[in-house]
Structure formats: structure tokens, C-alpha cells
Amino acid sequence: MRKRELDMLEKVLAAEAHGRLPFQTRSKIAGELVESGHLLHGKEIKSGVIVAGYYLTHAGRYAYGASC
């Protein structure tokens, strides 16, 4: 994996750890990681507002953990 992809996985993992999901970004890298199966695009309703963003998949967690 490239450094940029690992950085994106790290940001989503940090958001998950702090309870700030879904992680919101407009990055092309996030789209590439969805295609490769490392991230999942989803929506959630919070206080009546639809929030769209990205979640880590098990493959994304494994890929990030293996790179450490």
C-alpha cells in the first residue's frame, strides 16, 4: 500500500476509536479504498440529520495493522 492510503486508513481508525464515525472526506483515495474493499461508504442518521461517510472494513483494519 502507498503512504497516502495508509494515512487515510489511520485517519478512519482514529475516528472510529474516538467515536466520530462515519469519517467524512471527499478524497479520491477514499474512493479507491472503497473499490479495493478497505473502506465502506455508508450513511447514518444522527439527530434527524443524514451523515454520510466511510467506515473501516476488516480488510482495512488488517492492512493497517500489518503495516505497523
PDB file of N, CA and C in Angstrom:
ATOM      1  N   MET A   1       0.828  -1.189   0.000  1.00  0.00           N
ATOM      2  CA  MET A   1       0.000   0.000   0.000  1.00  0.00           C
ATOM      3  C   MET A   1       0.870   1.250   0.000  1.00  0.00           C
ATOM      4  N   ARG A   2       0.339   2.273  -0.606  1.00  0.00           N
ATOM      5  CA  ARG A   2       1.054   3.550  -0.636  1.00  0.00           C
ATOM      6  C   ARG A   2       0.857   4.301   0.678  1.00  0.00           C
ATOM      7  N   LYS A   3       1.749   5.213   0.933  1.00  0.00           N
ATOM      8  CA  LYS A   3       1.726   6.011   2.166  1.00  0.00           C
ATOM      9  C   LYS A   3       0.402   6.766   2.310  1.00  0.00           C
ATOM     10  N   ARG A   4      -0.091   7.326   1.202  1.00  0.00           N
ATOM     11  CA  ARG A   4      -1.347   8.086   1.251  1.00  0.00           C
ATOM     12  C   ARG A   4      -2.517   7.206   1.672  1.00  0.00           C
ATOM     13  N   GLU A   5      -2.539   5.968   1.179  1.00  0.00           N
ATOM     14  CA  GLU A   5      -3.625   5.052   1.535  1.00  0.00           C
ATOM     15  C   GLU A   5      -3.544   4.662   3.013  1.00  0.00           C
ATOM     16  N   LEU A   6      -2.338   4.405   3.498  1.00  0.00           N
ATOM     17  CA  LEU A   6      -2.167   4.068   4.909  1.00  0.00           C
ATOM     18  C   LEU A   6      -2.543   5.244   5.811  1.00  0.00           C
ATOM     19  N   ASP A   7      -2.226   6.463   5.374  1.00  0.00           N
ATOM     20  CA  ASP A   7      -2.605   7.654   6.139  1.00  0.00           C
ATOM     21  C   ASP A   7      -4.130   7.780   6.233  1.00  0.00           C
ATOM     22  N   MET A   8      -4.823   7.476   5.140  1.00  0.00           N
ATOM     23  CA  MET A   8      -6.289   7.541   5.145  1.00  0.00           C
ATOM     24  C   MET A   8      -6.861   6.482   6.090  1.00  0.00           C
ATOM     25  N   LEU A   9      -6.324   5.261   6.042  1.00  0.00           N
ATOM     26  CA  LEU A   9      -6.790   4.220   6.945  1.00  0.00           C
ATOM     27  C   LEU A   9      -6.553   4.612   8.399  1.00  0.00           C
ATOM     28  N   GLU A  10      -5.418   5.267   8.669  1.00  0.00           N
ATOM     29  CA  GLU A  10      -5.114   5.715  10.027  1.00  0.00           C
ATOM     30  C   GLU A  10      -6.119   6.758  10.503  1.00  0.00           C
ATOM     31  N   LYS A  11      -6.504   7.680   9.629  1.00  0.00           N
ATOM     32  CA  LYS A  11      -7.474   8.714   9.995  1.00  0.00           C
ATOM     33  C   LYS A  11      -8.842   8.105  10.313  1.00  0.00           C
ATOM     34  N   VAL A  12      -9.260   7.124   9.509  1.00  0.00           N
ATOM     35  CA  VAL A  12     -10.551   6.486   9.748  1.00  0.00           C
ATOM     36  C   VAL A  12     -10.505   5.655  11.035  1.00  0.00           C
ATOM     37  N   LEU A  13      -9.383   4.989  11.279  1.00  0.00           N
ATOM     38  CA  LEU A  13      -9.222   4.218  12.512  1.00  0.00           C
ATOM     39  C   LEU A  13      -9.264   5.132  13.741  1.00  0.00           C
ATOM     40  N   ALA A  14      -8.618   6.292  13.661  1.00  0.00           N
ATOM     41  CA  ALA A  14      -8.639   7.250  14.768  1.00  0.00           C
ATOM     42  C   ALA A  14     -10.063   7.762  15.006  1.00  0.00           C
ATOM     43  N   ALA A  15     -10.801   8.039  13.943  1.00  0.00           N
ATOM     44  CA  ALA A  15     -12.189   8.488  14.085  1.00  0.00           C
ATOM     45  C   ALA A  15     -13.032   7.400  14.742  1.00  0.00           C
ATOM     46  N   GLU A  16     -12.781   6.149  14.357  1.00  0.00           N
ATOM     47  CA  GLU A  16     -13.502   5.028  14.955  1.00  0.00           C
ATOM     48  C   GLU A  16     -13.193   4.906  16.451  1.00  0.00           C
ATOM     49  N   ALA A  17     -11.939   5.073  16.806  1.00  0.00           N
ATOM     50  CA  ALA A  17     -11.526   4.957  18.204  1.00  0.00           C
ATOM     51  C   ALA A  17     -12.123   6.062  19.070  1.00  0.00           C
ATOM     52  N   HIS A  18     -12.344   7.238  18.476  1.00  0.00           N
ATOM     53  CA  HIS A  18     -12.895   8.374  19.221  1.00  0.00           C
ATOM     54  C   HIS A  18     -14.415   8.481  19.087  1.00  0.00           C
ATOM     55  N   GLY A  19     -15.037   7.509  18.397  1.00  0.00           N
ATOM     56  CA  GLY A  19     -16.492   7.510  18.248  1.00  0.00           C
ATOM     57  C   GLY A  19     -17.018   8.574  17.310  1.00  0.00           C
ATOM     58  N   ARG A  20     -16.220   8.958  16.318  1.00  0.00           N
ATOM     59  CA  ARG A  20     -16.627  10.010  15.376  1.00  0.00           C
ATOM     60  C   ARG A  20     -16.917   9.435  13.995  1.00  0.00           C
ATOM     61  N   LEU A  21     -17.650   8.341  13.940  1.00  0.00           N
ATOM     62  CA  LEU A  21     -17.963   7.752  12.643  1.00  0.00           C
ATOM     63  C   LEU A  21     -19.323   8.219  12.187  1.00  0.00           C
ATOM     64  N   PRO A  22     -19.593   8.290  10.903  1.00  0.00           N
ATOM     65  CA  PRO A  22     -18.706   7.952   9.811  1.00  0.00           C
ATOM     66  C   PRO A  22     -17.685   9.054   9.554  1.00  0.00           C
ATOM     67  N   PHE A  23     -16.513   8.658   9.044  1.00  0.00           N
ATOM     68  CA  PHE A  23     -15.446   9.602   8.733  1.00  0.00           C
ATOM     69  C   PHE A  23     -15.797  10.291   7.417  1.00  0.00           C
ATOM     70  N   GLN A  24     -15.846  11.617   7.431  1.00  0.00           N
ATOM     71  CA  GLN A  24     -16.246  12.367   6.252  1.00  0.00           C
ATOM     72  C   GLN A  24     -15.035  12.939   5.526  1.00  0.00           C
ATOM     73  N   THR A  25     -14.988  12.681   4.227  1.00  0.00           N
ATOM     74  CA  THR A  25     -13.938  13.220   3.371  1.00  0.00           C
ATOM     75  C   THR A  25     -14.412  13.175   1.923  1.00  0.00           C
ATOM     76  N   ARG A  26     -13.808  13.988   1.097  1.00  0.00           N
ATOM     77  CA  ARG A  26     -14.096  13.974  -0.342  1.00  0.00           C
ATOM     78  C   ARG A  26     -12.876  13.487  -1.123  1.00  0.00           C
ATOM     79  N   SER A  27     -11.971  12.848  -0.458  1.00  0.00           N
ATOM     80  CA  SER A  27     -10.717  12.404  -1.041  1.00  0.00           C
ATOM     81  C   SER A  27     -10.931  11.312  -2.090  1.00  0.00           C
ATOM     82  N   LYS A  28     -10.170  11.388  -3.181  1.00  0.00           N
ATOM     83  CA  LYS A  28     -10.204  10.338  -4.197  1.00  0.00           C
ATOM     84  C   LYS A  28      -9.634   9.035  -3.643  1.00  0.00           C
ATOM     85  N   ILE A  29      -8.718   9.164  -2.713  1.00  0.00           N
ATOM     86  CA  ILE A  29      -8.101   7.982  -2.115  1.00  0.00           C
ATOM     87  C   ILE A  29      -9.152   7.150  -1.386  1.00  0.00           C
ATOM     88  N   ALA A  30     -10.092   7.802  -0.726  1.00  0.00           N
ATOM     89  CA  ALA A  30     -11.166   7.080  -0.032  1.00  0.00           C
ATOM     90  C   ALA A  30     -11.978   6.268  -1.038  1.00  0.00           C
ATOM     91  N   GLY A  31     -12.263   6.840  -2.182  1.00  0.00           N
ATOM     92  CA  GLY A  31     -12.983   6.115  -3.230  1.00  0.00           C
ATOM     93  C   GLY A  31     -12.207   4.906  -3.730  1.00  0.00           C
ATOM     94  N   GLU A  32     -10.893   5.068  -3.869  1.00  0.00           N
ATOM     95  CA  GLU A  32     -10.049   3.949  -4.298  1.00  0.00           C
ATOM     96  C   GLU A  32     -10.043   2.844  -3.245  1.00  0.00           C
ATOM     97  N   LEU A  33     -10.032   3.238  -1.955  1.00  0.00           N
ATOM     98  CA  LEU A  33     -10.030   2.250  -0.881  1.00  0.00           C
ATOM     99  C   LEU A  33     -11.376   1.530  -0.772  1.00  0.00           C
ATOM    100  N   VAL A  34     -12.465   2.194  -1.171  1.00  0.00           N
ATOM    101  CA  VAL A  34     -13.768   1.525  -1.225  1.00  0.00           C
ATOM    102  C   VAL A  34     -13.734   0.451  -2.308  1.00  0.00           C
ATOM    103  N   GLU A  35     -13.166   0.804  -3.472  1.00  0.00           N
ATOM    104  CA  GLU A  35     -13.076  -0.152  -4.582  1.00  0.00           C
ATOM    105  C   GLU A  35     -12.215  -1.355  -4.228  1.00  0.00           C
ATOM    106  N   SER A  36     -11.178  -1.144  -3.425  1.00  0.00           N
ATOM    107  CA  SER A  36     -10.289  -2.242  -3.053  1.00  0.00           C
ATOM    108  C   SER A  36     -10.815  -3.032  -1.850  1.00  0.00           C
ATOM    109  N   GLY A  37     -11.903  -2.550  -1.221  1.00  0.00           N
ATOM    110  CA  GLY A  37     -12.516  -3.283  -0.124  1.00  0.00           C
ATOM    111  C   GLY A  37     -11.983  -2.942   1.255  1.00  0.00           C
ATOM    112  N   HIS A  38     -11.185  -1.884   1.374  1.00  0.00           N
ATOM    113  CA  HIS A  38     -10.627  -1.500   2.666  1.00  0.00           C
ATOM    114  C   HIS A  38     -11.534  -0.545   3.446  1.00  0.00           C
ATOM    115  N   LEU A  39     -12.368   0.201   2.735  1.00  0.00           N
ATOM    116  CA  LEU A  39     -13.333   1.103   3.363  1.00  0.00           C
ATOM    117  C   LEU A  39     -14.722   0.794   2.830  1.00  0.00           C
ATOM    118  N   LEU A  40     -15.717   1.196   3.592  1.00  0.00           N
ATOM    119  CA  LEU A  40     -17.114   1.022   3.213  1.00  0.00           C
ATOM    120  C   LEU A  40     -17.791   2.377   3.318  1.00  0.00           C
ATOM    121  N   HIS A  41     -18.503   2.780   2.268  1.00  0.00           N
ATOM    122  CA  HIS A  41     -19.232   4.047   2.305  1.00  0.00           C
ATOM    123  C   HIS A  41     -20.621   3.772   2.863  1.00  0.00           C
ATOM    124  N   GLY A  42     -21.031   4.569   3.842  1.00  0.00           N
ATOM    125  CA  GLY A  42     -22.333   4.363   4.456  1.00  0.00           C
ATOM    126  C   GLY A  42     -22.945   5.652   4.952  1.00  0.00           C
ATOM    127  N   LYS A  43     -24.206   5.550   5.371  1.00  0.00           N
ATOM    128  CA  LYS A  43     -24.944   6.699   5.893  1.00  0.00           C
ATOM    129  C   LYS A  43     -25.503   6.356   7.253  1.00  0.00           C
ATOM    130  N   GLU A  44     -25.652   7.381   8.083  1.00  0.00           N
ATOM    131  CA  GLU A  44     -26.178   7.210   9.430  1.00  0.00           C
ATOM    132  C   GLU A  44     -27.039   8.429   9.753  1.00  0.00           C
ATOM    133  N   ILE A  45     -28.102   8.229  10.497  1.00  0.00           N
ATOM    134  CA  ILE A  45     -28.958   9.345  10.902  1.00  0.00           C
ATOM    135  C   ILE A  45     -28.614   9.717  12.339  1.00  0.00           C
ATOM    136  N   LYS A  46     -28.204  10.969  12.531  1.00  0.00           N
ATOM    137  CA  LYS A  46     -27.859  11.488  13.861  1.00  0.00           C
ATOM    138  C   LYS A  46     -28.676  12.747  14.115  1.00  0.00           C
ATOM    139  N   SER A  47     -29.512  12.721  15.102  1.00  0.00           N
ATOM    140  CA  SER A  47     -30.368  13.858  15.474  1.00  0.00           C
ATOM    141  C   SER A  47     -31.199  14.358  14.297  1.00  0.00           C
ATOM    142  N   GLY A  48     -31.683  13.449  13.488  1.00  0.00           N
ATOM    143  CA  GLY A  48     -32.519  13.819  12.353  1.00  0.00           C
ATOM    144  C   GLY A  48     -31.766  14.265  11.126  1.00  0.00           C
ATOM    145  N   VAL A  49     -30.445  14.212  11.154  1.00  0.00           N
ATOM    146  CA  VAL A  49     -29.614  14.629  10.022  1.00  0.00           C
ATOM    147  C   VAL A  49     -28.918  13.392   9.455  1.00  0.00           C
ATOM    148  N   ILE A  50     -28.939  13.249   8.131  1.00  0.00           N
ATOM    149  CA  ILE A  50     -28.256  12.129   7.492  1.00  0.00           C
ATOM    150  C   ILE A  50     -26.787  12.490   7.325  1.00  0.00           C
ATOM    151  N   VAL A  51     -25.912  11.663   7.891  1.00  0.00           N
ATOM    152  CA  VAL A  51     -24.466  11.880   7.817  1.00  0.00           C
ATOM    153  C   VAL A  51     -23.875  10.742   6.996  1.00  0.00           C
ATOM    154  N   ALA A  52     -23.209  11.096   5.892  1.00  0.00           N
ATOM    155  CA  ALA A  52     -22.584  10.096   5.026  1.00  0.00           C
ATOM    156  C   ALA A  52     -21.078  10.135   5.216  1.00  0.00           C
ATOM    157  N   GLY A  53     -20.460   8.966   5.134  1.00  0.00           N
ATOM    158  CA  GLY A  53     -19.019   8.909   5.283  1.00  0.00           C
ATOM    159  C   GLY A  53     -18.503   7.495   5.134  1.00  0.00           C
ATOM    160  N   TYR A  54     -17.323   7.252   5.683  1.00  0.00           N
ATOM    161  CA  TYR A  54     -16.616   5.993   5.480  1.00  0.00           C
ATOM    162  C   TYR A  54     -16.373   5.259   6.788  1.00  0.00           C
ATOM    163  N   TYR A  55     -16.417   3.933   6.694  1.00  0.00           N
ATOM    164  CA  TYR A  55     -16.137   3.029   7.802  1.00  0.00           C
ATOM    165  C   TYR A  55     -15.033   2.070   7.368  1.00  0.00           C
ATOM    166  N   LEU A  56     -14.230   1.600   8.317  1.00  0.00           N
ATOM    167  CA  LEU A  56     -13.216   0.583   8.023  1.00  0.00           C
ATOM    168  C   LEU A  56     -13.875  -0.784   7.892  1.00  0.00           C
ATOM    169  N   THR A  57     -13.370  -1.577   6.967  1.00  0.00           N
ATOM    170  CA  THR A  57     -13.768  -2.975   6.884  1.00  0.00           C
ATOM    171  C   THR A  57     -12.710  -3.794   7.623  1.00  0.00           C
ATOM    172  N   HIS A  58     -12.961  -5.083   7.771  1.00  0.00           N
ATOM    173  CA  HIS A  58     -11.964  -5.936   8.418  1.00  0.00           C
ATOM    174  C   HIS A  58     -10.672  -5.958   7.607  1.00  0.00           C
ATOM    175  N   ALA A  59     -10.805  -5.926   6.274  1.00  0.00           N
ATOM    176  CA  ALA A  59      -9.606  -5.896   5.425  1.00  0.00           C
ATOM    177  C   ALA A  59      -8.809  -4.631   5.647  1.00  0.00           C
ATOM    178  N   GLY A  60      -9.494  -3.505   5.862  1.00  0.00           N
ATOM    179  CA  GLY A  60      -8.809  -2.240   6.122  1.00  0.00           C
ATOM    180  C   GLY A  60      -8.081  -2.246   7.452  1.00  0.00           C
ATOM    181  N   ARG A  61      -8.727  -2.803   8.473  1.00  0.00           N
ATOM    182  CA  ARG A  61      -8.072  -2.911   9.783  1.00  0.00           C
ATOM    183  C   ARG A  61      -6.827  -3.802   9.709  1.00  0.00           C
ATOM    184  N   TYR A  62      -6.958  -4.918   8.998  1.00  0.00           N
ATOM    185  CA  TYR A  62      -5.851  -5.843   8.855  1.00  0.00           C
ATOM    186  C   TYR A  62      -4.692  -5.201   8.084  1.00  0.00           C
ATOM    187  N   ALA A  63      -5.013  -4.524   6.989  1.00  0.00           N
ATOM    188  CA  ALA A  63      -3.968  -3.884   6.179  1.00  0.00           C
ATOM    189  C   ALA A  63      -3.226  -2.820   6.963  1.00  0.00           C
ATOM    190  N   TYR A  64      -3.957  -2.039   7.742  1.00  0.00           N
ATOM    191  CA  TYR A  64      -3.294  -1.002   8.543  1.00  0.00           C
ATOM    192  C   TYR A  64      -2.454  -1.638   9.655  1.00  0.00           C
ATOM    193  N   GLY A  65      -3.001  -2.627  10.330  1.00  0.00           N
ATOM    194  CA  GLY A  65      -2.282  -3.290  11.410  1.00  0.00           C
ATOM    195  C   GLY A  65      -1.031  -4.011  10.913  1.00  0.00           C
ATOM    196  N   ALA A  66      -1.101  -4.610   9.734  1.00  0.00           N
ATOM    197  CA  ALA A  66       0.042  -5.321   9.174  1.00  0.00           C
ATOM    198  C   ALA A  66       1.158  -4.367   8.766  1.00  0.00           C
ATOM    199  N   SER A  67       0.816  -3.104   8.518  1.00  0.00           N
ATOM    200  CA  SER A  67       1.829  -2.135   8.070  1.00  0.00           C
ATOM    201  C   SER A  67       2.626  -1.548   9.243  1.00  0.00           C
ATOM    202  N   CYS A  68       2.137  -1.738  10.471  1.00  0.00           N
ATOM    203  CA  CYS A  68       2.808  -1.165  11.646  1.00  0.00           C
ATOM    204  C   CYS A  68       4.038  -1.966  12.052  1.00  0.00           C
TER     205      CYS A  68
END
